Amino acid sequence: MIAKLTQRIKKHVPQRTCVGCREALAKRNLVRIVRTAGGVQVDPTGKIAGRGAYLHDRLACWERGLKGALQHALKVELTKEDVAHLENFMKTLPPEAETNLS
């Protein structure tokens, strides 16, 4: 009886929405951007304190996010330094055909 119960229990997977394309996916499949006292930065661990927003690792989502969706989600006006830092990270993303999201 206990074996049957453990087979039916599924672990909860946190879902987050990409601010670029508005698609909801598992939190681990998205890149977190966080607003801190020092400015906006990429959060690879997902544990930095501050208001966060999520983007796919797709260039199209990052371009839409930088046009204004990211500012709205983080409730902050992005400075030139913030935009430059995020654009530098965006350049390290794989081309569209190579992204591997499941």
C-alpha atoms as a PDB file:
ATOM      1  CA  MET A   1       0.000   0.000   0.000  1.00  0.00           C
ATOM      2  CA  ILE A   2       2.804   2.453   0.879  1.00  0.00           C
ATOM      3  CA  ALA A   3       4.597   1.660  -2.390  1.00  0.00           C
ATOM      4  CA  LYS A   4       1.482   2.633  -4.346  1.00  0.00           C
ATOM      5  CA  LEU A   5       1.224   5.968  -2.531  1.00  0.00           C
ATOM      6  CA  THR A   6       4.841   6.919  -3.158  1.00  0.00           C
ATOM      7  CA  GLN A   7       4.461   6.227  -6.873  1.00  0.00           C
ATOM      8  CA  ARG A   8       1.595   8.700  -7.155  1.00  0.00           C
ATOM      9  CA  ILE A   9       3.246  11.558  -5.268  1.00  0.00           C
ATOM     10  CA  LYS A  10       4.889  14.062  -7.597  1.00  0.00           C
ATOM     11  CA  LYS A  11       7.343  16.654  -6.419  1.00  0.00           C
ATOM     12  CA  HIS A  12       6.205  20.259  -6.821  1.00  0.00           C
ATOM     13  CA  VAL A  13       8.185  22.115  -9.493  1.00  0.00           C
ATOM     14  CA  PRO A  14       8.087  25.923  -9.086  1.00  0.00           C
ATOM     15  CA  GLN A  15       6.875  27.707 -12.227  1.00  0.00           C
ATOM     16  CA  ARG A  16       7.990  31.173 -13.337  1.00  0.00           C
ATOM     17  CA  THR A  17       6.997  33.330 -16.306  1.00  0.00           C
ATOM     18  CA  CYS A  18       9.500  34.752 -18.791  1.00  0.00           C
ATOM     19  CA  VAL A  19       8.962  38.530 -18.946  1.00  0.00           C
ATOM     20  CA  GLY A  20      10.026  38.517 -22.610  1.00  0.00           C
ATOM     21  CA  CYS A  21       7.560  36.031 -24.095  1.00  0.00           C
ATOM     22  CA  ARG A  22       5.206  35.430 -21.119  1.00  0.00           C
ATOM     23  CA  GLU A  23       5.685  31.631 -21.299  1.00  0.00           C
ATOM     24  CA  ALA A  24       5.575  29.791 -17.955  1.00  0.00           C
ATOM     25  CA  LEU A  25       8.264  27.174 -17.365  1.00  0.00           C
ATOM     26  CA  ALA A  26      10.064  25.460 -14.531  1.00  0.00           C
ATOM     27  CA  LYS A  27      12.105  27.956 -12.521  1.00  0.00           C
ATOM     28  CA  ARG A  28      15.373  26.113 -13.259  1.00  0.00           C
ATOM     29  CA  ASN A  29      14.917  26.584 -17.015  1.00  0.00           C
ATOM     30  CA  LEU A  30      14.967  30.380 -16.795  1.00  0.00           C
ATOM     31  CA  VAL A  31      17.627  32.984 -16.006  1.00  0.00           C
ATOM     32  CA  ARG A  32      16.876  35.162 -12.970  1.00  0.00           C
ATOM     33  CA  ILE A  33      17.580  38.889 -13.037  1.00  0.00           C
ATOM     34  CA  VAL A  34      17.538  40.555  -9.628  1.00  0.00           C
ATOM     35  CA  ARG A  35      17.264  44.155  -8.452  1.00  0.00           C
ATOM     36  CA  THR A  36      19.635  44.820  -5.565  1.00  0.00           C
ATOM     37  CA  ALA A  37      20.885  47.950  -3.819  1.00  0.00           C
ATOM     38  CA  GLY A  38      23.944  47.814  -6.086  1.00  0.00           C
ATOM     39  CA  GLY A  39      21.887  47.686  -9.268  1.00  0.00           C
ATOM     40  CA  VAL A  40      20.433  45.034 -11.537  1.00  0.00           C
ATOM     41  CA  GLN A  41      22.408  41.831 -12.022  1.00  0.00           C
ATOM     42  CA  VAL A  42      22.108  38.268 -13.284  1.00  0.00           C
ATOM     43  CA  ASP A  43      21.527  35.752 -10.484  1.00  0.00           C
ATOM     44  CA  PRO A  44      22.869  32.335 -11.539  1.00  0.00           C
ATOM     45  CA  THR A  45      22.110  30.756  -8.136  1.00  0.00           C
ATOM     46  CA  GLY A  46      18.573  32.109  -7.847  1.00  0.00           C
ATOM     47  CA  LYS A  47      19.223  32.955  -4.198  1.00  0.00           C
ATOM     48  CA  ILE A  48      20.359  36.606  -4.179  1.00  0.00           C
ATOM     49  CA  ALA A  49      18.030  38.733  -2.066  1.00  0.00           C
ATOM     50  CA  GLY A  50      15.998  41.260  -4.000  1.00  0.00           C
ATOM     51  CA  ARG A  51      13.132  41.580  -6.436  1.00  0.00           C
ATOM     52  CA  GLY A  52      13.582  39.152  -9.304  1.00  0.00           C
ATOM     53  CA  ALA A  53      12.359  38.613 -12.849  1.00  0.00           C
ATOM     54  CA  TYR A  54      12.940  35.708 -15.198  1.00  0.00           C
ATOM     55  CA  LEU A  55      13.960  35.405 -18.859  1.00  0.00           C
ATOM     56  CA  HIS A  56      14.567  32.473 -21.200  1.00  0.00           C
ATOM     57  CA  ASP A  57      18.080  31.949 -22.489  1.00  0.00           C
ATOM     58  CA  ARG A  58      16.806  33.127 -25.902  1.00  0.00           C
ATOM     59  CA  LEU A  59      18.037  36.320 -27.528  1.00  0.00           C
ATOM     60  CA  ALA A  60      14.515  37.315 -28.587  1.00  0.00           C
ATOM     61  CA  CYS A  61      13.275  37.201 -24.986  1.00  0.00           C
ATOM     62  CA  TRP A  62      16.260  39.228 -23.756  1.00  0.00           C
ATOM     63  CA  GLU A  63      15.737  41.867 -26.453  1.00  0.00           C
ATOM     64  CA  ARG A  64      12.057  42.233 -25.513  1.00  0.00           C
ATOM     65  CA  GLY A  65      12.961  42.272 -21.833  1.00  0.00           C
ATOM     66  CA  LEU A  66      15.504  45.045 -22.263  1.00  0.00           C
ATOM     67  CA  LYS A  67      13.005  47.150 -24.231  1.00  0.00           C
ATOM     68  CA  GLY A  68      10.914  47.673 -21.107  1.00  0.00           C
ATOM     69  CA  ALA A  69       9.372  44.463 -19.779  1.00  0.00           C
ATOM     70  CA  LEU A  70      12.293  43.907 -17.411  1.00  0.00           C
ATOM     71  CA  GLN A  71      12.052  47.439 -15.998  1.00  0.00           C
ATOM     72  CA  HIS A  72       8.348  46.964 -15.404  1.00  0.00           C
ATOM     73  CA  ALA A  73       8.807  43.566 -13.716  1.00  0.00           C
ATOM     74  CA  LEU A  74      11.634  44.799 -11.473  1.00  0.00           C
ATOM     75  CA  LYS A  75       9.892  48.130 -10.786  1.00  0.00           C
ATOM     76  CA  VAL A  76      13.081  50.072 -11.461  1.00  0.00           C
ATOM     77  CA  GLU A  77      14.494  52.381 -14.122  1.00  0.00           C
ATOM     78  CA  LEU A  78      17.486  50.601 -15.688  1.00  0.00           C
ATOM     79  CA  THR A  79      20.663  52.690 -15.777  1.00  0.00           C
ATOM     80  CA  LYS A  80      23.077  52.662 -18.705  1.00  0.00           C
ATOM     81  CA  GLU A  81      25.441  50.518 -16.628  1.00  0.00           C
ATOM     82  CA  ASP A  82      22.675  48.012 -15.871  1.00  0.00           C
ATOM     83  CA  VAL A  83      21.739  47.762 -19.542  1.00  0.00           C
ATOM     84  CA  ALA A  84      25.392  47.363 -20.566  1.00  0.00           C
ATOM     85  CA  HIS A  85      25.901  44.606 -17.965  1.00  0.00           C
ATOM     86  CA  LEU A  86      22.782  42.749 -19.133  1.00  0.00           C
ATOM     87  CA  GLU A  87      23.713  43.155 -22.815  1.00  0.00           C
ATOM     88  CA  ASN A  88      27.150  41.689 -22.090  1.00  0.00           C
ATOM     89  CA  PHE A  89      25.485  38.661 -20.510  1.00  0.00           C
ATOM     90  CA  MET A  90      23.059  38.469 -23.442  1.00  0.00           C
ATOM     91  CA  LYS A  91      26.016  38.160 -25.836  1.00  0.00           C
ATOM     92  CA  THR A  92      27.127  34.981 -24.028  1.00  0.00           C
ATOM     93  CA  LEU A  93      23.797  33.230 -24.691  1.00  0.00           C
ATOM     94  CA  PRO A  94      23.754  30.429 -27.271  1.00  0.00           C
ATOM     95  CA  PRO A  95      22.201  31.117 -30.689  1.00  0.00           C
ATOM     96  CA  GLU A  96      18.462  30.425 -31.003  1.00  0.00           C
ATOM     97  CA  ALA A  97      18.853  27.005 -32.630  1.00  0.00           C
ATOM     98  CA  GLU A  98      21.065  25.706 -29.820  1.00  0.00           C
ATOM     99  CA  THR A  99      18.869  26.556 -26.832  1.00  0.00           C
ATOM    100  CA  ASN A 100      17.826  23.443 -24.957  1.00  0.00           C
ATOM    101  CA  LEU A 101      14.707  23.991 -22.894  1.00  0.00           C
ATOM    102  CA  SER A 102      12.463  21.131 -21.897  1.00  0.00           C
END
